[in-house]
Amino acid sequence: MEKEICISKLKQVAELYNIRIWIAEKMGRRWSYVIGAGKELFLPSQMITKIGKYAIFVEGDQFDKEVIIDDVRKLLESQDLQKSKGNVGKR
C-alpha cells in the first residue's frame, strides 16, 4: 500500500515538471532502482540529492532542482505522517 501511495505522488511531481524522477538505494558502489515515475526522455540523468543511503535522480530538459527537492521532501513527510497516524494507539 505504501509503495502505491509513493508512486502516485511521484507521478504527480513527474507530470507537474515534465520530468522522469526515481529513487535509488546505494548498495556498495552501485545505485539500485527502488521506485520512479514519468516518461523516458532519453536525456542524461542527474542525482539531485542524497538522503542517507537513498538518492533522488531526475531526467529532464529544464527543471529547478531545489523546487523538486522541496516537493519530494514534502511528499515524504506526508507519507511519514500518514504512517504515524495509522500507528496511533497500536503497540
N, C-alpha and C. Protein backbone atom coordinates (compact mmCIF):
# COMPACT_ATOMS: atom_id res chain seq x y z
N MET A 1 0.82 -1.20 0.00
CA MET A 1 0.00 0.00 0.00
C MET A 1 0.86 1.25 0.00
N GLU A 2 1.90 1.30 0.85
CA GLU A 2 2.75 2.48 0.92
C GLU A 2 3.43 2.74 -0.41
N LYS A 3 3.83 1.68 -1.10
CA LYS A 3 4.51 1.84 -2.38
C LYS A 3 3.58 2.48 -3.40
N GLU A 4 2.29 2.09 -3.42
CA GLU A 4 1.34 2.67 -4.36
C GLU A 4 1.15 4.15 -4.10
N ILE A 5 1.09 4.53 -2.82
CA ILE A 5 0.92 5.94 -2.47
C ILE A 5 2.14 6.72 -2.95
N CYS A 6 3.31 6.20 -2.72
CA CYS A 6 4.54 6.86 -3.13
C CYS A 6 4.60 7.00 -4.65
N ILE A 7 4.21 5.96 -5.37
CA ILE A 7 4.22 6.01 -6.84
C ILE A 7 3.28 7.10 -7.34
N SER A 8 2.09 7.18 -6.79
CA SER A 8 1.14 8.19 -7.26
C SER A 8 1.65 9.59 -6.99
N LYS A 9 2.33 9.79 -5.87
CA LYS A 9 2.86 11.12 -5.55
C LYS A 9 4.06 11.45 -6.44
N LEU A 10 4.89 10.47 -6.75
CA LEU A 10 5.99 10.71 -7.67
C LEU A 10 5.46 11.02 -9.07
N LYS A 11 4.37 10.37 -9.46
CA LYS A 11 3.74 10.66 -10.76
C LYS A 11 3.27 12.11 -10.82
N GLN A 12 2.73 12.60 -9.71
CA GLN A 12 2.29 13.99 -9.66
C GLN A 12 3.46 14.94 -9.92
N VAL A 13 4.58 14.69 -9.27
CA VAL A 13 5.77 15.53 -9.44
C VAL A 13 6.29 15.43 -10.87
N ALA A 14 6.35 14.21 -11.41
CA ALA A 14 6.84 14.00 -12.77
C ALA A 14 5.98 14.74 -13.79
N GLU A 15 4.67 14.67 -13.63
CA GLU A 15 3.77 15.34 -14.57
C GLU A 15 3.83 16.85 -14.41
N LEU A 16 3.93 17.33 -13.19
CA LEU A 16 3.96 18.77 -12.93
C LEU A 16 5.17 19.43 -13.58
N TYR A 17 6.34 18.77 -13.52
CA TYR A 17 7.58 19.37 -14.04
C TYR A 17 8.05 18.76 -15.36
N ASN A 18 7.27 17.85 -15.93
CA ASN A 18 7.62 17.18 -17.18
C ASN A 18 9.03 16.56 -17.09
N ILE A 19 9.20 15.71 -16.09
CA ILE A 19 10.48 15.05 -15.85
C ILE A 19 10.25 13.56 -15.62
N ARG A 20 11.33 12.82 -15.58
CA ARG A 20 11.32 11.44 -15.10
C ARG A 20 12.06 11.49 -13.78
N ILE A 21 11.48 10.94 -12.73
CA ILE A 21 12.07 11.00 -11.39
C ILE A 21 12.06 9.62 -10.78
N TRP A 22 13.14 9.27 -10.09
CA TRP A 22 13.18 7.98 -9.41
C TRP A 22 14.06 8.05 -8.18
N ILE A 23 13.82 7.10 -7.30
CA ILE A 23 14.59 6.97 -6.06
C ILE A 23 15.40 5.69 -6.17
N ALA A 24 16.66 5.78 -5.77
CA ALA A 24 17.55 4.62 -5.81
C ALA A 24 18.23 4.46 -4.46
N GLU A 25 18.61 3.23 -4.17
CA GLU A 25 19.29 2.91 -2.91
C GLU A 25 20.74 2.54 -3.21
N LYS A 26 21.66 3.07 -2.41
CA LYS A 26 23.08 2.77 -2.58
C LYS A 26 23.36 1.38 -2.01
N MET A 27 23.90 0.51 -2.87
CA MET A 27 24.28 -0.84 -2.46
C MET A 27 25.73 -1.03 -2.87
N GLY A 28 26.61 -0.87 -1.91
CA GLY A 28 28.03 -0.94 -2.22
C GLY A 28 28.42 0.27 -3.05
N ARG A 29 28.95 0.03 -4.25
CA ARG A 29 29.34 1.13 -5.13
C ARG A 29 28.29 1.43 -6.20
N ARG A 30 27.18 0.72 -6.17
CA ARG A 30 26.15 0.88 -7.21
C ARG A 30 24.85 1.42 -6.63
N TRP A 31 24.08 2.02 -7.52
CA TRP A 31 22.74 2.50 -7.16
C TRP A 31 21.71 1.52 -7.69
N SER A 32 20.79 1.12 -6.83
CA SER A 32 19.75 0.18 -7.19
C SER A 32 18.40 0.89 -7.24
N TYR A 33 17.72 0.81 -8.39
CA TYR A 33 16.42 1.45 -8.59
C TYR A 33 15.43 0.92 -7.56
N VAL A 34 14.68 1.84 -6.93
CA VAL A 34 13.67 1.45 -5.96
C VAL A 34 12.27 1.74 -6.52
N ILE A 35 12.04 2.98 -6.94
CA ILE A 35 10.72 3.39 -7.40
C ILE A 35 10.87 4.64 -8.26
N GLY A 36 9.98 4.82 -9.22
CA GLY A 36 10.07 6.00 -10.07
C GLY A 36 8.82 6.24 -10.86
N ALA A 37 8.80 7.39 -11.55
CA ALA A 37 7.64 7.77 -12.35
C ALA A 37 8.07 8.73 -13.45
N GLY A 38 7.24 8.82 -14.47
CA GLY A 38 7.48 9.74 -15.57
C GLY A 38 7.89 9.01 -16.84
N LYS A 39 7.77 9.73 -17.96
CA LYS A 39 8.11 9.16 -19.26
C LYS A 39 9.62 9.21 -19.48
N GLU A 40 10.12 8.21 -20.18
CA GLU A 40 11.53 8.18 -20.58
C GLU A 40 11.78 9.34 -21.52
N LEU A 41 12.76 10.19 -21.20
CA LEU A 41 13.04 11.37 -22.01
C LEU A 41 14.33 11.25 -22.81
N PHE A 42 15.09 10.22 -22.58
CA PHE A 42 16.35 9.97 -23.28
C PHE A 42 17.32 11.14 -23.13
N LEU A 43 17.36 11.69 -21.93
CA LEU A 43 18.29 12.76 -21.57
C LEU A 43 19.18 12.26 -20.44
N PRO A 44 20.33 12.89 -20.24
CA PRO A 44 21.19 12.47 -19.13
C PRO A 44 20.48 12.65 -17.79
N SER A 45 20.65 11.69 -16.89
CA SER A 45 20.04 11.80 -15.57
C SER A 45 21.00 12.51 -14.62
N GLN A 46 20.43 13.12 -13.60
CA GLN A 46 21.21 13.82 -12.59
C GLN A 46 20.76 13.38 -11.21
N MET A 47 21.71 13.16 -10.32
CA MET A 47 21.37 12.93 -8.92
C MET A 47 21.19 14.33 -8.33
N ILE A 48 19.99 14.62 -7.84
CA ILE A 48 19.76 15.97 -7.33
C ILE A 48 19.96 16.08 -5.82
N THR A 49 19.85 14.96 -5.11
CA THR A 49 20.14 14.98 -3.67
C THR A 49 20.30 13.57 -3.14
N LYS A 50 21.02 13.46 -2.03
CA LYS A 50 21.16 12.19 -1.30
C LYS A 50 20.51 12.35 0.06
N ILE A 51 19.80 11.31 0.47
CA ILE A 51 19.16 11.28 1.78
C ILE A 51 19.53 9.95 2.41
N GLY A 52 20.55 9.95 3.25
CA GLY A 52 21.04 8.71 3.82
C GLY A 52 21.58 7.79 2.74
N LYS A 53 21.06 6.56 2.68
CA LYS A 53 21.52 5.62 1.66
C LYS A 53 20.68 5.70 0.38
N TYR A 54 19.78 6.68 0.29
CA TYR A 54 18.93 6.86 -0.88
C TYR A 54 19.30 8.14 -1.62
N ALA A 55 18.96 8.18 -2.90
CA ALA A 55 19.17 9.38 -3.71
C ALA A 55 17.99 9.57 -4.64
N ILE A 56 17.77 10.82 -5.02
CA ILE A 56 16.73 11.15 -5.98
C ILE A 56 17.41 11.52 -7.29
N PHE A 57 17.00 10.83 -8.35
CA PHE A 57 17.53 11.09 -9.69
C PHE A 57 16.44 11.69 -10.55
N VAL A 58 16.84 12.60 -11.44
CA VAL A 58 15.89 13.26 -12.33
C VAL A 58 16.45 13.25 -13.74
N GLU A 59 15.56 13.05 -14.68
CA GLU A 59 15.88 13.14 -16.11
C GLU A 59 14.92 14.16 -16.69
N GLY A 60 15.45 15.25 -17.22
CA GLY A 60 14.60 16.28 -17.78
C GLY A 60 15.39 17.34 -18.50
N ASP A 61 14.68 18.16 -19.24
CA ASP A 61 15.32 19.20 -20.04
C ASP A 61 15.68 20.40 -19.17
N GLN A 62 14.68 21.03 -18.59
CA GLN A 62 14.90 22.18 -17.72
C GLN A 62 14.04 22.00 -16.49
N PHE A 63 14.66 22.09 -15.32
CA PHE A 63 13.91 21.97 -14.08
C PHE A 63 14.67 22.69 -12.98
N ASP A 64 13.95 23.10 -11.96
CA ASP A 64 14.54 23.76 -10.79
C ASP A 64 14.78 22.69 -9.73
N LYS A 65 16.02 22.36 -9.56
CA LYS A 65 16.42 21.29 -8.65
C LYS A 65 15.89 21.52 -7.23
N GLU A 66 16.02 22.71 -6.72
CA GLU A 66 15.61 23.00 -5.34
C GLU A 66 14.10 22.86 -5.16
N VAL A 67 13.32 23.26 -6.14
CA VAL A 67 11.86 23.15 -6.05
C VAL A 67 11.45 21.67 -6.04
N ILE A 68 12.07 20.87 -6.88
CA ILE A 68 11.75 19.44 -6.93
C ILE A 68 12.14 18.76 -5.62
N ILE A 69 13.32 19.08 -5.10
CA ILE A 69 13.75 18.51 -3.81
C ILE A 69 12.75 18.87 -2.73
N ASP A 70 12.32 20.12 -2.70
CA ASP A 70 11.35 20.57 -1.70
C ASP A 70 10.02 19.82 -1.83
N ASP A 71 9.54 19.65 -3.07
CA ASP A 71 8.28 18.93 -3.30
C ASP A 71 8.39 17.47 -2.87
N VAL A 72 9.48 16.82 -3.21
CA VAL A 72 9.66 15.41 -2.84
C VAL A 72 9.79 15.28 -1.32
N ARG A 73 10.49 16.20 -0.70
CA ARG A 73 10.62 16.17 0.77
C ARG A 73 9.24 16.30 1.42
N LYS A 74 8.40 17.19 0.90
CA LYS A 74 7.03 17.34 1.43
C LYS A 74 6.24 16.05 1.26
N LEU A 75 6.39 15.40 0.12
CA LEU A 75 5.70 14.13 -0.12
C LEU A 75 6.14 13.07 0.87
N LEU A 76 7.45 13.00 1.10
CA LEU A 76 7.98 12.01 2.04
C LEU A 76 7.52 12.30 3.46
N GLU A 77 7.47 13.59 3.83
CA GLU A 77 6.99 13.95 5.16
C GLU A 77 5.52 13.60 5.33
N SER A 78 4.71 13.84 4.30
CA SER A 78 3.29 13.50 4.40
C SER A 78 3.12 11.98 4.47
N GLN A 79 3.99 11.24 3.78
CA GLN A 79 3.98 9.78 3.83
C GLN A 79 4.29 9.31 5.25
N ASP A 80 5.30 9.90 5.89
CA ASP A 80 5.65 9.55 7.26
C ASP A 80 4.53 9.91 8.21
N LEU A 81 3.87 11.05 7.98
CA LEU A 81 2.77 11.48 8.82
C LEU A 81 1.61 10.49 8.72
N GLN A 82 1.30 10.03 7.50
CA GLN A 82 0.23 9.05 7.33
C GLN A 82 0.55 7.75 8.04
N LYS A 83 1.82 7.31 7.97
CA LYS A 83 2.21 6.07 8.65
C LYS A 83 2.06 6.23 10.15
N SER A 84 2.49 7.39 10.70
CA SER A 84 2.41 7.57 12.14
C SER A 84 0.96 7.66 12.61
N LYS A 85 0.07 8.26 11.81
CA LYS A 85 -1.35 8.32 12.17
C LYS A 85 -1.95 6.92 12.19
N GLY A 86 -1.51 6.07 11.31
CA GLY A 86 -2.02 4.70 11.26
C GLY A 86 -1.55 3.87 12.43
N ASN A 87 -0.47 4.29 13.06
CA ASN A 87 0.09 3.53 14.19
C ASN A 87 -0.34 4.09 15.54
N VAL A 88 -1.17 5.13 15.58
CA VAL A 88 -1.60 5.72 16.84
C VAL A 88 -2.40 4.68 17.61
N GLY A 89 -2.01 4.48 18.86
CA GLY A 89 -2.71 3.54 19.71
C GLY A 89 -2.32 2.09 19.54
N LYS A 90 -1.46 1.78 18.58
CA LYS A 90 -1.01 0.40 18.37
C LYS A 90 0.29 0.18 19.11
N ARG A 91 0.43 -1.01 19.69
CA ARG A 91 1.67 -1.36 20.39
C ARG A 91 2.14 -2.70 19.98
